[in-house]
Amino acid sequence: MSDAIMAEGLVKKYGAVVALDGMDLTVPEGTVFGLLGPNGAGKTSTVRVLTTLLKPDSGRAVVAGCDVVADAARLRRRIGVSGQYAAVDDHLTGAENLEMVGRLYHLGRRRSRQRARELLDRFRLTEAADRPVKGYSGGMRRRIDLAGALVAAPPVVFLDEPTTGLDPRARADLWDIVDELVADGTTVLLTTQYMEEADRLAHRIAVVDHGRVIALGTADELKDHVGGDRIELTVHDFADLGLVRQTLTPLAVGEIRIDAHRVTVPVASGADSLTDGLSRLAAHGVRLREVGLRRPTLDDVFLSLTGHDTTKEYAR
């Protein structure tokens, strides 16, 4: 399997602000590669460099066999891009939007119309094909935007936070579409702040912080980096949180996290630790609403690696 995307030492600065600080990426063909990180970590700057919208100050990148700087014009014909906001013309119909993209790719009128109808059917938009896009729902707008990125059947597609603002049903629909793309051999680079999205879609994940990759692997490999299970519980009485922390600290193998009434305790012994912890809490009269044992999540991974969660935005 060859690489569809390769980046080495990408650097991009805006005055004193360093957006990319030696970004390295390798993405095999026919896979989904996830970029995780908070706002300002360098995800979108990476996508802009790889899609020729931004020239790096140093380093090099090759996408679909084309250098992003030296072969920029040829590369643009070999990639599809769907950004954080749907890039569609509200006054055109869904079909007209896709036909317009086809004409821009020089597919010709007949092929552009044919391709538009194929994609409208694939994205379950046939009934809305001849309606102006301004009347589409958020999920429909995202689907028509993604369809536009596929008009020229590109071998590599970039999805920059494609499900931001979508409801769970629309998000699941887009996940199914990504699965279909990869099954057909398309390579997808996905940026997201949704940990469950990366867990569900990505074959490999790079955690990005301050413009560089700080961890790389499959979702399971990254979770193994954190290690152990988590006791997760909620209490009836907020006043018991301090007692819960004190009682369970001897069992913890990392930082105990408290969020509202929810307590998360990393432990080494799984079910044995859970049983021990419940006995200790019962002895102190602590009443619980819920309790369970779970594996680490990608949120845990990110917090462990960076010291903050994915919603943080850097002040630059």
C-alpha atoms as a PDB file:
ATOM      1  CA  MET A   1       0.000   0.000   0.000  1.00  0.00           C
ATOM      2  CA  SER A   2       1.488   3.363  -1.052  1.00  0.00           C
ATOM      3  CA  ASP A   3       0.998   6.698   0.665  1.00  0.00           C
ATOM      4  CA  ALA A   4      -1.677   9.094  -0.574  1.00  0.00           C
ATOM      5  CA  ILE A   5      -0.413  11.928   1.671  1.00  0.00           C
ATOM      6  CA  MET A   6       3.101  12.608   2.931  1.00  0.00           C
ATOM      7  CA  ALA A   7       4.188  15.703   4.829  1.00  0.00           C
ATOM      8  CA  GLU A   8       7.626  16.363   6.310  1.00  0.00           C
ATOM      9  CA  GLY A   9       8.551  19.201   8.631  1.00  0.00           C
ATOM     10  CA  LEU A  10       5.794  21.637   7.630  1.00  0.00           C
ATOM     11  CA  VAL A  11       6.242  25.057   9.201  1.00  0.00           C
ATOM     12  CA  LYS A  12       3.887  28.008   8.871  1.00  0.00           C
ATOM     13  CA  LYS A  13       4.097  31.245  10.831  1.00  0.00           C
ATOM     14  CA  TYR A  14       1.913  34.336  10.944  1.00  0.00           C
ATOM     15  CA  GLY A  15       4.260  36.901  12.410  1.00  0.00           C
ATOM     16  CA  ALA A  16       5.044  35.712  15.919  1.00  0.00           C
ATOM     17  CA  VAL A  17       2.295  33.071  15.797  1.00  0.00           C
ATOM     18  CA  VAL A  18       3.478  29.577  14.875  1.00  0.00           C
ATOM     19  CA  ALA A  19       0.587  27.692  13.255  1.00  0.00           C
ATOM     20  CA  LEU A  20       2.650  24.678  12.154  1.00  0.00           C
ATOM     21  CA  ASP A  21       5.845  23.734  13.917  1.00  0.00           C
ATOM     22  CA  GLY A  22       7.328  20.776  12.052  1.00  0.00           C
ATOM     23  CA  MET A  23       4.181  18.869  11.109  1.00  0.00           C
ATOM     24  CA  ASP A  24       4.837  15.305   9.869  1.00  0.00           C
ATOM     25  CA  LEU A  25       2.117  13.069   8.412  1.00  0.00           C
ATOM     26  CA  THR A  26       1.906   9.852   6.406  1.00  0.00           C
ATOM     27  CA  VAL A  27      -1.472   8.603   5.188  1.00  0.00           C
ATOM     28  CA  PRO A  28      -1.761   5.272   3.312  1.00  0.00           C
ATOM     29  CA  GLU A  29      -4.102   5.036   0.336  1.00  0.00           C
ATOM     30  CA  GLY A  30      -7.670   3.923   0.992  1.00  0.00           C
ATOM     31  CA  THR A  31      -7.729   4.831   4.684  1.00  0.00           C
ATOM     32  CA  VAL A  32      -9.241   7.463   6.970  1.00  0.00           C
ATOM     33  CA  PHE A  33      -6.651   9.499   8.852  1.00  0.00           C
ATOM     34  CA  GLY A  34      -7.888  11.592  11.760  1.00  0.00           C
ATOM     35  CA  LEU A  35      -6.357  14.828  13.012  1.00  0.00           C
ATOM     36  CA  LEU A  36      -7.431  15.606  16.582  1.00  0.00           C
ATOM     37  CA  GLY A  37      -6.748  18.769  18.507  1.00  0.00           C
ATOM     38  CA  PRO A  38      -8.312  21.885  20.014  1.00  0.00           C
ATOM     39  CA  ASN A  39      -9.053  25.037  18.054  1.00  0.00           C
ATOM     40  CA  GLY A  40      -5.770  26.677  17.148  1.00  0.00           C
ATOM     41  CA  ALA A  41      -3.715  23.467  17.316  1.00  0.00           C
ATOM     42  CA  GLY A  42      -2.887  23.521  13.589  1.00  0.00           C
ATOM     43  CA  LYS A  43      -5.474  21.176  12.077  1.00  0.00           C
ATOM     44  CA  THR A  44      -7.003  23.615   9.612  1.00  0.00           C
ATOM     45  CA  SER A  45      -3.614  25.111   8.698  1.00  0.00           C
ATOM     46  CA  THR A  46      -2.432  21.601   7.859  1.00  0.00           C
ATOM     47  CA  VAL A  47      -5.424  21.050   5.597  1.00  0.00           C
ATOM     48  CA  ARG A  48      -4.880  24.400   3.890  1.00  0.00           C
ATOM     49  CA  VAL A  49      -1.269  23.542   3.123  1.00  0.00           C
ATOM     50  CA  LEU A  50      -2.133  20.074   1.839  1.00  0.00           C
ATOM     51  CA  THR A  51      -4.890  21.487  -0.397  1.00  0.00           C
ATOM     52  CA  THR A  52      -2.654  24.265  -1.843  1.00  0.00           C
ATOM     53  CA  LEU A  53      -4.591  27.091  -0.167  1.00  0.00           C
ATOM     54  CA  LEU A  54      -1.562  28.006   1.941  1.00  0.00           C
ATOM     55  CA  LYS A  55       2.150  27.804   1.165  1.00  0.00           C
ATOM     56  CA  PRO A  56       4.362  26.459   3.947  1.00  0.00           C
ATOM     57  CA  ASP A  57       7.338  28.509   5.074  1.00  0.00           C
ATOM     58  CA  SER A  58       9.422  25.331   5.056  1.00  0.00           C
ATOM     59  CA  GLY A  59       9.051  21.566   4.745  1.00  0.00           C
ATOM     60  CA  ARG A  60       7.425  19.659   1.917  1.00  0.00           C
ATOM     61  CA  ALA A  61       4.276  17.688   1.236  1.00  0.00           C
ATOM     62  CA  VAL A  62       3.102  15.365  -1.529  1.00  0.00           C
ATOM     63  CA  VAL A  63      -0.587  14.554  -2.034  1.00  0.00           C
ATOM     64  CA  ALA A  64      -1.879  12.108  -4.661  1.00  0.00           C
ATOM     65  CA  GLY A  65       1.580  12.101  -6.222  1.00  0.00           C
ATOM     66  CA  CYS A  66       1.757  15.909  -6.550  1.00  0.00           C
ATOM     67  CA  ASP A  67       3.980  18.341  -4.661  1.00  0.00           C
ATOM     68  CA  VAL A  68       1.668  20.843  -2.944  1.00  0.00           C
ATOM     69  CA  VAL A  69       3.788  23.785  -4.086  1.00  0.00           C
ATOM     70  CA  ALA A  70       5.473  22.764  -7.352  1.00  0.00           C
ATOM     71  CA  ASP A  71       2.441  20.825  -8.708  1.00  0.00           C
ATOM     72  CA  ALA A  72      -0.350  22.859  -7.120  1.00  0.00           C
ATOM     73  CA  ALA A  73      -2.462  23.256 -10.275  1.00  0.00           C
ATOM     74  CA  ARG A  74      -2.363  19.527 -11.092  1.00  0.00           C
ATOM     75  CA  LEU A  75      -3.059  18.603  -7.456  1.00  0.00           C
ATOM     76  CA  ARG A  76      -6.241  20.679  -7.332  1.00  0.00           C
ATOM     77  CA  ARG A  77      -7.716  18.440 -10.021  1.00  0.00           C
ATOM     78  CA  ARG A  78      -6.980  15.336  -7.920  1.00  0.00           C
ATOM     79  CA  ILE A  79      -8.478  16.285  -4.556  1.00  0.00           C
ATOM     80  CA  GLY A  80     -11.856  17.105  -3.044  1.00  0.00           C
ATOM     81  CA  VAL A  81     -12.339  19.454  -0.097  1.00  0.00           C
ATOM     82  CA  SER A  82     -15.278  19.922   2.251  1.00  0.00           C
ATOM     83  CA  GLY A  83     -14.700  22.611   4.857  1.00  0.00           C
ATOM     84  CA  GLN A  84     -16.304  23.518   8.153  1.00  0.00           C
ATOM     85  CA  TYR A  85     -19.070  25.449   6.403  1.00  0.00           C
ATOM     86  CA  ALA A  86     -21.007  24.253   3.363  1.00  0.00           C
ATOM     87  CA  ALA A  87     -19.644  26.015   0.250  1.00  0.00           C
ATOM     88  CA  VAL A  88     -22.817  26.008  -1.814  1.00  0.00           C
ATOM     89  CA  ASP A  89     -24.826  28.618  -3.701  1.00  0.00           C
ATOM     90  CA  ASP A  90     -28.123  29.083  -1.863  1.00  0.00           C
ATOM     91  CA  HIS A  91     -29.907  30.389  -4.967  1.00  0.00           C
ATOM     92  CA  LEU A  92     -29.100  27.347  -7.124  1.00  0.00           C
ATOM     93  CA  THR A  93     -30.768  23.979  -6.803  1.00  0.00           C
ATOM     94  CA  GLY A  94     -28.859  20.990  -5.511  1.00  0.00           C
ATOM     95  CA  ALA A  95     -28.486  19.659  -9.045  1.00  0.00           C
ATOM     96  CA  GLU A  96     -27.324  23.024 -10.378  1.00  0.00           C
ATOM     97  CA  ASN A  97     -24.697  23.303  -7.634  1.00  0.00           C
ATOM     98  CA  LEU A  98     -23.189  19.950  -8.568  1.00  0.00           C
ATOM     99  CA  GLU A  99     -23.405  20.586 -12.312  1.00  0.00           C
ATOM    100  CA  MET A 100     -21.581  23.878 -11.796  1.00  0.00           C
ATOM    101  CA  VAL A 101     -18.759  22.076  -9.973  1.00  0.00           C
ATOM    102  CA  GLY A 102     -18.526  19.579 -12.823  1.00  0.00           C
ATOM    103  CA  ARG A 103     -18.200  22.369 -15.365  1.00  0.00           C
ATOM    104  CA  LEU A 104     -15.456  23.974 -13.276  1.00  0.00           C
ATOM    105  CA  TYR A 105     -13.608  20.642 -13.436  1.00  0.00           C
ATOM    106  CA  HIS A 106     -14.086  20.694 -17.239  1.00  0.00           C
ATOM    107  CA  LEU A 107     -16.196  17.532 -17.261  1.00  0.00           C
ATOM    108  CA  GLY A 108     -18.459  18.936 -19.971  1.00  0.00           C
ATOM    109  CA  ARG A 109     -22.180  19.676 -19.777  1.00  0.00           C
ATOM    110  CA  ARG A 110     -23.440  16.138 -20.355  1.00  0.00           C
ATOM    111  CA  ARG A 111     -21.017  14.422 -17.965  1.00  0.00           C
ATOM    112  CA  SER A 112     -21.520  17.136 -15.324  1.00  0.00           C
ATOM    113  CA  ARG A 113     -25.282  16.582 -15.396  1.00  0.00           C
ATOM    114  CA  GLN A 114     -24.852  12.809 -15.268  1.00  0.00           C
ATOM    115  CA  ARG A 115     -22.401  13.003 -12.391  1.00  0.00           C
ATOM    116  CA  ALA A 116     -24.690  15.369 -10.474  1.00  0.00           C
ATOM    117  CA  ARG A 117     -27.579  12.915 -10.699  1.00  0.00           C
ATOM    118  CA  GLU A 118     -25.359  10.018  -9.621  1.00  0.00           C
ATOM    119  CA  LEU A 119     -24.260  11.883  -6.511  1.00  0.00           C
ATOM    120  CA  LEU A 120     -27.722  13.173  -5.655  1.00  0.00           C
ATOM    121  CA  ASP A 121     -28.918   9.574  -5.658  1.00  0.00           C
ATOM    122  CA  ARG A 122     -25.926   8.371  -3.614  1.00  0.00           C
ATOM    123  CA  PHE A 123     -26.440  11.088  -1.002  1.00  0.00           C
ATOM    124  CA  ARG A 124     -30.209  10.526  -0.821  1.00  0.00           C
ATOM    125  CA  LEU A 125     -30.977  13.979  -2.177  1.00  0.00           C
ATOM    126  CA  THR A 126     -32.890  13.017  -5.329  1.00  0.00           C
ATOM    127  CA  GLU A 127     -36.220  14.357  -4.058  1.00  0.00           C
ATOM    128  CA  ALA A 128     -34.595  17.697  -3.226  1.00  0.00           C
ATOM    129  CA  ALA A 129     -32.485  17.875  -6.398  1.00  0.00           C
ATOM    130  CA  ASP A 130     -34.528  20.612  -8.055  1.00  0.00           C
ATOM    131  CA  ARG A 131     -35.150  22.725  -4.960  1.00  0.00           C
ATOM    132  CA  PRO A 132     -33.011  25.785  -4.117  1.00  0.00           C
ATOM    133  CA  VAL A 133     -30.364  24.920  -1.509  1.00  0.00           C
ATOM    134  CA  LYS A 134     -31.494  27.819   0.693  1.00  0.00           C
ATOM    135  CA  GLY A 135     -34.424  25.595   1.725  1.00  0.00           C
ATOM    136  CA  TYR A 136     -32.198  22.644   2.709  1.00  0.00           C
ATOM    137  CA  SER A 137     -31.692  21.550   6.298  1.00  0.00           C
ATOM    138  CA  GLY A 138     -28.229  21.673   7.863  1.00  0.00           C
ATOM    139  CA  GLY A 139     -27.648  17.981   7.245  1.00  0.00           C
ATOM    140  CA  MET A 140     -28.757  18.257   3.617  1.00  0.00           C
ATOM    141  CA  ARG A 141     -26.440  21.226   3.055  1.00  0.00           C
ATOM    142  CA  ARG A 142     -23.509  19.254   4.433  1.00  0.00           C
ATOM    143  CA  ARG A 143     -24.351  16.320   2.151  1.00  0.00           C
ATOM    144  CA  ILE A 144     -24.574  18.505  -0.955  1.00  0.00           C
ATOM    145  CA  ASP A 145     -21.257  20.143  -0.016  1.00  0.00           C
ATOM    146  CA  LEU A 146     -19.584  16.752   0.374  1.00  0.00           C
ATOM    147  CA  ALA A 147     -21.133  15.613  -2.901  1.00  0.00           C
ATOM    148  CA  GLY A 148     -19.549  18.660  -4.543  1.00  0.00           C
ATOM    149  CA  ALA A 149     -16.144  17.553  -3.275  1.00  0.00           C
ATOM    150  CA  LEU A 150     -16.665  14.209  -5.051  1.00  0.00           C
ATOM    151  CA  VAL A 151     -17.870  15.390  -8.459  1.00  0.00           C
ATOM    152  CA  ALA A 152     -14.496  14.750 -10.098  1.00  0.00           C
ATOM    153  CA  ALA A 153     -14.100  11.374  -8.272  1.00  0.00           C
ATOM    154  CA  PRO A 154     -10.864  12.494  -6.561  1.00  0.00           C
ATOM    155  CA  PRO A 155      -8.571   9.866  -5.023  1.00  0.00           C
ATOM    156  CA  VAL A 156      -8.025  12.030  -1.914  1.00  0.00           C
ATOM    157  CA  VAL A 157     -10.707  13.936   0.037  1.00  0.00           C
ATOM    158  CA  PHE A 158     -10.180  16.399   2.889  1.00  0.00           C
ATOM    159  CA  LEU A 159     -12.972  16.819   5.435  1.00  0.00           C
ATOM    160  CA  ASP A 160     -12.343  19.723   7.813  1.00  0.00           C
ATOM    161  CA  GLU A 161     -14.680  19.288  10.805  1.00  0.00           C
ATOM    162  CA  PRO A 162     -17.465  18.105   8.474  1.00  0.00           C
ATOM    163  CA  THR A 163     -20.110  17.399  11.132  1.00  0.00           C
ATOM    164  CA  THR A 164     -19.812  20.569  13.218  1.00  0.00           C
ATOM    165  CA  GLY A 165     -23.293  21.745  14.153  1.00  0.00           C
ATOM    166  CA  LEU A 166     -25.110  18.667  12.861  1.00  0.00           C
ATOM    167  CA  ASP A 167     -27.642  16.688  14.871  1.00  0.00           C
ATOM    168  CA  PRO A 168     -26.784  13.053  15.757  1.00  0.00           C
ATOM    169  CA  ARG A 169     -28.811  11.604  12.851  1.00  0.00           C
ATOM    170  CA  ALA A 170     -27.190  13.835  10.244  1.00  0.00           C
ATOM    171  CA  ARG A 171     -23.762  13.100  11.730  1.00  0.00           C
ATOM    172  CA  ALA A 172     -24.371   9.339  11.513  1.00  0.00           C
ATOM    173  CA  ASP A 173     -25.460   9.736   7.870  1.00  0.00           C
ATOM    174  CA  LEU A 174     -22.183  11.453   7.017  1.00  0.00           C
ATOM    175  CA  TRP A 175     -20.226   8.742   8.817  1.00  0.00           C
ATOM    176  CA  ASP A 176     -21.909   6.144   6.600  1.00  0.00           C
ATOM    177  CA  ILE A 177     -20.950   8.146   3.513  1.00  0.00           C
ATOM    178  CA  VAL A 178     -17.303   8.259   4.604  1.00  0.00           C
ATOM    179  CA  ASP A 179     -17.370   4.480   5.069  1.00  0.00           C
ATOM    180  CA  GLU A 180     -18.654   4.099   1.500  1.00  0.00           C
ATOM    181  CA  LEU A 181     -15.944   6.378   0.113  1.00  0.00           C
ATOM    182  CA  VAL A 182     -13.155   4.399   1.738  1.00  0.00           C
ATOM    183  CA  ALA A 183     -14.696   1.105   0.640  1.00  0.00           C
ATOM    184  CA  ASP A 184     -14.399   2.434  -2.924  1.00  0.00           C
ATOM    185  CA  GLY A 185     -10.688   3.200  -2.407  1.00  0.00           C
ATOM    186  CA  THR A 186     -10.813   6.902  -1.576  1.00  0.00           C
ATOM    187  CA  THR A 187      -8.349   8.286   0.978  1.00  0.00           C
ATOM    188  CA  VAL A 188      -9.877  10.631   3.566  1.00  0.00           C
ATOM    189  CA  LEU A 189      -8.098  13.067   5.866  1.00  0.00           C
ATOM    190  CA  LEU A 190     -10.511  14.107   8.606  1.00  0.00           C
ATOM    191  CA  THR A 191     -10.106  16.888  11.143  1.00  0.00           C
ATOM    192  CA  THR A 192     -12.502  16.831  14.053  1.00  0.00           C
ATOM    193  CA  GLN A 193     -13.033  17.849  17.655  1.00  0.00           C
ATOM    194  CA  TYR A 194     -15.474  14.991  18.188  1.00  0.00           C
ATOM    195  CA  MET A 195     -13.636  12.111  19.806  1.00  0.00           C
ATOM    196  CA  GLU A 196     -16.371   9.595  18.998  1.00  0.00           C
ATOM    197  CA  GLU A 197     -16.126  10.592  15.330  1.00  0.00           C
ATOM    198  CA  ALA A 198     -12.416   9.824  15.165  1.00  0.00           C
ATOM    199  CA  ASP A 199     -12.941   6.618  17.146  1.00  0.00           C
ATOM    200  CA  ARG A 200     -15.670   5.516  14.718  1.00  0.00           C
ATOM    201  CA  LEU A 201     -14.022   6.441  11.401  1.00  0.00           C
ATOM    202  CA  ALA A 202     -10.246   6.763  11.570  1.00  0.00           C
ATOM    203  CA  HIS A 203      -7.852   3.895  10.884  1.00  0.00           C
ATOM    204  CA  ARG A 204      -5.040   5.994  12.353  1.00  0.00           C
ATOM    205  CA  ILE A 205      -5.117   9.166  14.423  1.00  0.00           C
ATOM    206  CA  ALA A 206      -2.630  11.957  15.003  1.00  0.00           C
ATOM    207  CA  VAL A 207      -3.087  14.079  18.115  1.00  0.00           C
ATOM    208  CA  VAL A 208      -1.977  17.627  17.271  1.00  0.00           C
ATOM    209  CA  ASP A 209      -0.973  20.312  19.746  1.00  0.00           C
ATOM    210  CA  HIS A 210       0.794  23.629  19.098  1.00  0.00           C
ATOM    211  CA  GLY A 211       1.310  22.862  15.420  1.00  0.00           C
ATOM    212  CA  ARG A 212       2.917  19.432  15.667  1.00  0.00           C
ATOM    213  CA  VAL A 213       2.010  15.785  16.131  1.00  0.00           C
ATOM    214  CA  ILE A 214       2.408  14.706  19.754  1.00  0.00           C
ATOM    215  CA  ALA A 215       0.978  11.177  19.450  1.00  0.00           C
ATOM    216  CA  LEU A 216       0.176   8.825  16.589  1.00  0.00           C
ATOM    217  CA  GLY A 217      -1.526   5.438  16.336  1.00  0.00           C
ATOM    218  CA  THR A 218      -4.813   3.611  16.103  1.00  0.00           C
ATOM    219  CA  ALA A 219      -7.562   4.528  18.553  1.00  0.00           C
ATOM    220  CA  ASP A 220      -6.786   1.427  20.614  1.00  0.00           C
ATOM    221  CA  GLU A 221      -3.046   2.158  20.619  1.00  0.00           C
ATOM    222  CA  LEU A 222      -3.659   5.691  21.845  1.00  0.00           C
ATOM    223  CA  LYS A 223      -6.004   4.442  24.562  1.00  0.00           C
ATOM    224  CA  ASP A 224      -3.391   1.914  25.650  1.00  0.00           C
ATOM    225  CA  HIS A 225      -1.026   4.873  26.065  1.00  0.00           C
ATOM    226  CA  VAL A 226      -3.263   6.093  28.897  1.00  0.00           C
ATOM    227  CA  GLY A 227      -3.681   2.573  30.274  1.00  0.00           C
ATOM    228  CA  GLY A 228      -6.099   0.989  32.729  1.00  0.00           C
ATOM    229  CA  ASP A 229      -9.846   1.223  33.248  1.00  0.00           C
ATOM    230  CA  ARG A 230     -11.950   4.023  34.685  1.00  0.00           C
ATOM    231  CA  ILE A 231     -14.458   3.904  37.501  1.00  0.00           C
ATOM    232  CA  GLU A 232     -17.115   6.441  36.563  1.00  0.00           C
ATOM    233  CA  LEU A 233     -19.829   7.422  39.004  1.00  0.00           C
ATOM    234  CA  THR A 234     -22.303  10.154  39.847  1.00  0.00           C
ATOM    235  CA  VAL A 235     -23.371  11.095  43.369  1.00  0.00           C
ATOM    236  CA  HIS A 236     -26.748  12.088  44.770  1.00  0.00           C
ATOM    237  CA  ASP A 237     -25.311  14.855  46.912  1.00  0.00           C
ATOM    238  CA  PHE A 238     -22.776  17.348  45.531  1.00  0.00           C
ATOM    239  CA  ALA A 239     -21.432  17.757  49.085  1.00  0.00           C
ATOM    240  CA  ASP A 240     -20.126  14.161  48.954  1.00  0.00           C
ATOM    241  CA  LEU A 241     -17.635  14.852  46.125  1.00  0.00           C
ATOM    242  CA  GLY A 242     -14.780  15.690  48.485  1.00  0.00           C
ATOM    243  CA  LEU A 243     -15.389  12.533  50.494  1.00  0.00           C
ATOM    244  CA  VAL A 244     -15.524  10.462  47.278  1.00  0.00           C
ATOM    245  CA  ARG A 245     -12.177  11.855  46.145  1.00  0.00           C
ATOM    246  CA  GLN A 246     -10.596  11.158  49.546  1.00  0.00           C
ATOM    247  CA  THR A 247     -12.069   7.643  49.736  1.00  0.00           C
ATOM    248  CA  LEU A 248     -11.053   6.553  46.227  1.00  0.00           C
ATOM    249  CA  THR A 249      -7.611   8.206  46.054  1.00  0.00           C
ATOM    250  CA  PRO A 250      -5.859   5.042  47.363  1.00  0.00           C
ATOM    251  CA  LEU A 251      -7.260   3.128  44.366  1.00  0.00           C
ATOM    252  CA  ALA A 252      -6.393   5.723  41.720  1.00  0.00           C
ATOM    253  CA  VAL A 253      -3.412   5.344  39.362  1.00  0.00           C
ATOM    254  CA  GLY A 254      -3.773   8.833  37.940  1.00  0.00           C
ATOM    255  CA  GLU A 255      -5.640  12.086  38.426  1.00  0.00           C
ATOM    256  CA  ILE A 256      -9.232  11.840  39.683  1.00  0.00           C
ATOM    257  CA  ARG A 257     -11.486  14.055  37.555  1.00  0.00           C
ATOM    258  CA  ILE A 258     -14.635  15.696  38.898  1.00  0.00           C
ATOM    259  CA  ASP A 259     -17.136  17.279  36.505  1.00  0.00           C
ATOM    260  CA  ALA A 260     -20.350  18.496  38.142  1.00  0.00           C
ATOM    261  CA  HIS A 261     -21.675  15.383  39.966  1.00  0.00           C
ATOM    262  CA  ARG A 262     -19.585  12.943  37.883  1.00  0.00           C
ATOM    263  CA  VAL A 263     -16.335  11.453  39.171  1.00  0.00           C
ATOM    264  CA  THR A 264     -13.819   9.565  37.000  1.00  0.00           C
ATOM    265  CA  VAL A 265     -11.128   7.487  38.692  1.00  0.00           C
ATOM    266  CA  PRO A 266      -8.355   5.742  36.701  1.00  0.00           C
ATOM    267  CA  VAL A 267      -7.656   2.328  38.247  1.00  0.00           C
ATOM    268  CA  ALA A 268      -5.339  -0.592  37.566  1.00  0.00           C
ATOM    269  CA  SER A 269      -7.374  -3.604  38.661  1.00  0.00           C
ATOM    270  CA  GLY A 270     -10.638  -3.140  36.798  1.00  0.00           C
ATOM    271  CA  ALA A 271     -13.533  -5.041  38.393  1.00  0.00           C
ATOM    272  CA  ASP A 272     -11.601  -5.663  41.614  1.00  0.00           C
ATOM    273  CA  SER A 273     -11.030  -1.926  42.038  1.00  0.00           C
ATOM    274  CA  LEU A 274     -14.691  -1.249  41.349  1.00  0.00           C
ATOM    275  CA  THR A 275     -15.796  -3.735  44.023  1.00  0.00           C
ATOM    276  CA  ASP A 276     -13.308  -2.321  46.523  1.00  0.00           C
ATOM    277  CA  GLY A 277     -14.324   1.249  45.735  1.00  0.00           C
ATOM    278  CA  LEU A 278     -18.036   0.557  46.185  1.00  0.00           C
ATOM    279  CA  SER A 279     -17.378  -1.089  49.560  1.00  0.00           C
ATOM    280  CA  ARG A 280     -15.363   1.927  50.727  1.00  0.00           C
ATOM    281  CA  LEU A 281     -18.038   4.382  49.599  1.00  0.00           C
ATOM    282  CA  ALA A 282     -20.820   2.354  51.231  1.00  0.00           C
ATOM    283  CA  ALA A 283     -18.884   2.329  54.492  1.00  0.00           C
ATOM    284  CA  HIS A 284     -18.868   6.138  54.417  1.00  0.00           C
ATOM    285  CA  GLY A 285     -22.570   6.323  53.569  1.00  0.00           C
ATOM    286  CA  VAL A 286     -22.083   7.846  50.100  1.00  0.00           C
ATOM    287  CA  ARG A 287     -25.184   7.404  47.912  1.00  0.00           C
ATOM    288  CA  LEU A 288     -24.624   6.954  44.176  1.00  0.00           C
ATOM    289  CA  ARG A 289     -26.907   7.629  41.218  1.00  0.00           C
ATOM    290  CA  GLU A 290     -24.858   5.672  38.674  1.00  0.00           C
ATOM    291  CA  VAL A 291     -21.624   3.712  38.653  1.00  0.00           C
ATOM    292  CA  GLY A 292     -19.726   1.783  36.004  1.00  0.00           C
ATOM    293  CA  LEU A 293     -16.378   0.621  34.691  1.00  0.00           C
ATOM    294  CA  ARG A 294     -15.154   1.676  31.262  1.00  0.00           C
ATOM    295  CA  ARG A 295     -12.059   1.764  29.086  1.00  0.00           C
ATOM    296  CA  PRO A 296     -10.188   5.021  28.456  1.00  0.00           C
ATOM    297  CA  THR A 297     -11.654   7.226  25.727  1.00  0.00           C
ATOM    298  CA  LEU A 298      -9.881   9.459  23.245  1.00  0.00           C
ATOM    299  CA  ASP A 299     -10.907  12.360  25.496  1.00  0.00           C
ATOM    300  CA  ASP A 300      -8.841  10.728  28.236  1.00  0.00           C
ATOM    301  CA  VAL A 301      -5.957  10.358  25.783  1.00  0.00           C
ATOM    302  CA  PHE A 302      -6.063  14.011  24.810  1.00  0.00           C
ATOM    303  CA  LEU A 303      -6.318  15.204  28.393  1.00  0.00           C
ATOM    304  CA  SER A 304      -3.398  12.976  29.380  1.00  0.00           C
ATOM    305  CA  LEU A 305      -1.211  14.194  26.504  1.00  0.00           C
ATOM    306  CA  THR A 306      -1.985  17.905  26.582  1.00  0.00           C
ATOM    307  CA  GLY A 307      -3.371  18.662  30.033  1.00  0.00           C
ATOM    308  CA  HIS A 308      -6.572  20.126  28.583  1.00  0.00           C
ATOM    309  CA  ASP A 309      -9.600  18.935  26.642  1.00  0.00           C
ATOM    310  CA  THR A 310     -10.356  19.378  22.948  1.00  0.00           C
ATOM    311  CA  THR A 311     -12.650  22.380  23.447  1.00  0.00           C
ATOM    312  CA  LYS A 312      -9.834  24.663  24.545  1.00  0.00           C
ATOM    313  CA  GLU A 313      -8.886  27.401  22.130  1.00  0.00           C
ATOM    314  CA  TYR A 314      -5.436  28.915  22.331  1.00  0.00           C
ATOM    315  CA  ALA A 315      -5.050  32.626  22.870  1.00  0.00           C
ATOM    316  CA  ARG A 316      -2.523  33.609  20.219  1.00  0.00           C
END
